[in-house]
Amino acid sequence: MSTPTSASIIAASSDSDLLARMVALGATLGYGQQQVESVRIRLAAAAATDTGDTIASVYEYAQATYSPTPRPGVNPAAVTDAHILYALTAVLGTPA
């Protein structure tokens, strides 16, 4: 994956379907909706794997690759739950 563009960070952080998934998975880690929503742009730019992928770069790749293009925020094969959980932990830390 390449470094995400500012446009892909904005797109990923503005995707309401992706945000809903982030909030849902954040809840499994003990984070509240406001906690997750308040860092949504940081989550979009955050590492999503240990190889340097970010939520935004995976999102951007999904937009460019999948045909017909399902909305990446809805598509758990594009931005996976594992990507989201990795980013949540990277940004918010490990819950107590």
C-alpha atoms as a PDB file:
ATOM      1  CA  MET A   1       0.000   0.000   0.000  1.00  0.00           C
ATOM      2  CA  SER A   2       1.100   3.525  -0.639  1.00  0.00           C
ATOM      3  CA  THR A   3       1.011   6.466   1.710  1.00  0.00           C
ATOM      4  CA  PRO A   4      -2.551   7.738   1.868  1.00  0.00           C
ATOM      5  CA  THR A   5      -3.415  11.037   0.267  1.00  0.00           C
ATOM      6  CA  SER A   6      -5.111  13.812   2.176  1.00  0.00           C
ATOM      7  CA  ALA A   7      -8.187  13.117   0.033  1.00  0.00           C
ATOM      8  CA  SER A   8      -8.279   9.465   1.128  1.00  0.00           C
ATOM      9  CA  ILE A   9      -7.862  10.448   4.801  1.00  0.00           C
ATOM     10  CA  ILE A  10     -10.784  12.863   4.432  1.00  0.00           C
ATOM     11  CA  ALA A  11     -12.872  10.296   2.550  1.00  0.00           C
ATOM     12  CA  ALA A  12     -12.252   7.569   5.119  1.00  0.00           C
ATOM     13  CA  SER A  13     -12.879   9.855   8.091  1.00  0.00           C
ATOM     14  CA  SER A  14     -16.083  11.181   6.487  1.00  0.00           C
ATOM     15  CA  ASP A  15     -17.561   7.768   5.640  1.00  0.00           C
ATOM     16  CA  SER A  16     -20.528   7.327   7.991  1.00  0.00           C
ATOM     17  CA  ASP A  17     -20.641   3.556   7.413  1.00  0.00           C
ATOM     18  CA  LEU A  18     -16.973   3.208   8.336  1.00  0.00           C
ATOM     19  CA  LEU A  19     -17.457   5.420  11.385  1.00  0.00           C
ATOM     20  CA  ALA A  20     -20.351   3.244  12.553  1.00  0.00           C
ATOM     21  CA  ARG A  21     -18.106   0.188  12.270  1.00  0.00           C
ATOM     22  CA  MET A  22     -15.333   1.981  14.183  1.00  0.00           C
ATOM     23  CA  VAL A  23     -17.780   2.908  16.952  1.00  0.00           C
ATOM     24  CA  ALA A  24     -19.118  -0.657  17.132  1.00  0.00           C
ATOM     25  CA  LEU A  25     -15.659  -2.187  17.310  1.00  0.00           C
ATOM     26  CA  GLY A  26     -14.529   0.513  19.739  1.00  0.00           C
ATOM     27  CA  ALA A  27     -17.359  -0.577  22.023  1.00  0.00           C
ATOM     28  CA  THR A  28     -15.942  -4.107  22.055  1.00  0.00           C
ATOM     29  CA  LEU A  29     -12.740  -2.600  23.456  1.00  0.00           C
ATOM     30  CA  GLY A  30     -14.572  -0.489  26.022  1.00  0.00           C
ATOM     31  CA  TYR A  31     -14.521   2.855  24.190  1.00  0.00           C
ATOM     32  CA  GLY A  32     -17.579   5.076  24.002  1.00  0.00           C
ATOM     33  CA  GLN A  33     -19.034   6.523  20.833  1.00  0.00           C
ATOM     34  CA  GLN A  34     -17.786  10.045  21.601  1.00  0.00           C
ATOM     35  CA  GLN A  35     -14.250   8.772  22.237  1.00  0.00           C
ATOM     36  CA  VAL A  36     -14.133   7.107  18.838  1.00  0.00           C
ATOM     37  CA  GLU A  37     -15.856   9.929  16.963  1.00  0.00           C
ATOM     38  CA  SER A  38     -13.517  12.531  18.466  1.00  0.00           C
ATOM     39  CA  VAL A  39     -10.480  10.810  16.896  1.00  0.00           C
ATOM     40  CA  ARG A  40     -12.026   9.765  13.578  1.00  0.00           C
ATOM     41  CA  ILE A  41      -9.492  11.672  11.427  1.00  0.00           C
ATOM     42  CA  ARG A  42      -6.616  10.237  13.462  1.00  0.00           C
ATOM     43  CA  LEU A  43      -8.098   6.764  13.033  1.00  0.00           C
ATOM     44  CA  ALA A  44      -8.274   7.274   9.261  1.00  0.00           C
ATOM     45  CA  ALA A  45      -4.576   8.206   9.187  1.00  0.00           C
ATOM     46  CA  ALA A  46      -3.511   5.588  11.765  1.00  0.00           C
ATOM     47  CA  ALA A  47      -1.635   2.371  11.153  1.00  0.00           C
ATOM     48  CA  ALA A  48      -3.987  -0.500  10.406  1.00  0.00           C
ATOM     49  CA  THR A  49      -1.344  -3.223  10.066  1.00  0.00           C
ATOM     50  CA  ASP A  50       2.196  -3.766  11.221  1.00  0.00           C
ATOM     51  CA  THR A  51       3.368  -3.324   7.614  1.00  0.00           C
ATOM     52  CA  GLY A  52       2.430   0.345   7.315  1.00  0.00           C
ATOM     53  CA  ASP A  53      -1.064   0.171   5.859  1.00  0.00           C
ATOM     54  CA  THR A  54      -3.446   2.791   7.215  1.00  0.00           C
ATOM     55  CA  ILE A  55      -7.219   2.868   7.285  1.00  0.00           C
ATOM     56  CA  ALA A  56      -7.090   5.565   4.581  1.00  0.00           C
ATOM     57  CA  SER A  57      -4.659   3.664   2.335  1.00  0.00           C
ATOM     58  CA  VAL A  58      -6.756   0.490   2.546  1.00  0.00           C
ATOM     59  CA  TYR A  59      -9.881   2.583   1.914  1.00  0.00           C
ATOM     60  CA  GLU A  60      -8.247   4.278  -1.085  1.00  0.00           C
ATOM     61  CA  TYR A  61      -7.111   0.916  -2.467  1.00  0.00           C
ATOM     62  CA  ALA A  62     -10.645  -0.466  -2.134  1.00  0.00           C
ATOM     63  CA  GLN A  63     -12.091   2.510  -3.986  1.00  0.00           C
ATOM     64  CA  ALA A  64      -9.623   2.048  -6.831  1.00  0.00           C
ATOM     65  CA  THR A  65      -9.783  -1.752  -7.034  1.00  0.00           C
ATOM     66  CA  TYR A  66     -13.235  -3.152  -6.332  1.00  0.00           C
ATOM     67  CA  SER A  67     -15.580  -3.235  -9.323  1.00  0.00           C
ATOM     68  CA  PRO A  68     -18.375  -2.561  -9.087  1.00  0.00           C
ATOM     69  CA  THR A  69     -17.191  -0.402  -6.263  1.00  0.00           C
ATOM     70  CA  PRO A  70     -19.037  -1.115  -3.028  1.00  0.00           C
ATOM     71  CA  ARG A  71     -18.692   1.633  -0.491  1.00  0.00           C
ATOM     72  CA  PRO A  72     -15.449   0.765   1.359  1.00  0.00           C
ATOM     73  CA  GLY A  73     -16.927   1.634   4.736  1.00  0.00           C
ATOM     74  CA  VAL A  74     -19.632  -0.993   4.299  1.00  0.00           C
ATOM     75  CA  ASN A  75     -17.370  -3.627   2.792  1.00  0.00           C
ATOM     76  CA  PRO A  76     -15.682  -5.646   5.568  1.00  0.00           C
ATOM     77  CA  ALA A  77     -13.440  -7.241   2.946  1.00  0.00           C
ATOM     78  CA  ALA A  78     -12.024  -3.812   2.041  1.00  0.00           C
ATOM     79  CA  VAL A  79     -11.429  -2.157   5.407  1.00  0.00           C
ATOM     80  CA  THR A  80     -11.456  -5.199   7.659  1.00  0.00           C
ATOM     81  CA  ASP A  81     -12.443  -5.363  11.306  1.00  0.00           C
ATOM     82  CA  ALA A  82      -8.819  -6.283  12.040  1.00  0.00           C
ATOM     83  CA  HIS A  83      -7.680  -3.040  10.363  1.00  0.00           C
ATOM     84  CA  ILE A  84     -10.114  -1.026  12.463  1.00  0.00           C
ATOM     85  CA  LEU A  85      -9.183  -2.766  15.719  1.00  0.00           C
ATOM     86  CA  TYR A  86      -5.481  -2.233  15.006  1.00  0.00           C
ATOM     87  CA  ALA A  87      -6.061   1.489  14.364  1.00  0.00           C
ATOM     88  CA  LEU A  88      -8.266   1.891  17.450  1.00  0.00           C
ATOM     89  CA  THR A  89      -5.548   0.387  19.621  1.00  0.00           C
ATOM     90  CA  ALA A  90      -2.871   2.506  17.904  1.00  0.00           C
ATOM     91  CA  VAL A  91      -4.790   5.738  18.486  1.00  0.00           C
ATOM     92  CA  LEU A  92      -6.624   5.117  21.770  1.00  0.00           C
ATOM     93  CA  GLY A  93      -4.302   2.567  23.338  1.00  0.00           C
ATOM     94  CA  THR A  94      -5.148  -0.679  25.026  1.00  0.00           C
ATOM     95  CA  PRO A  95      -8.227  -0.350  27.222  1.00  0.00           C
ATOM     96  CA  ALA A  96      -7.783  -0.773  30.936  1.00  0.00           C
END
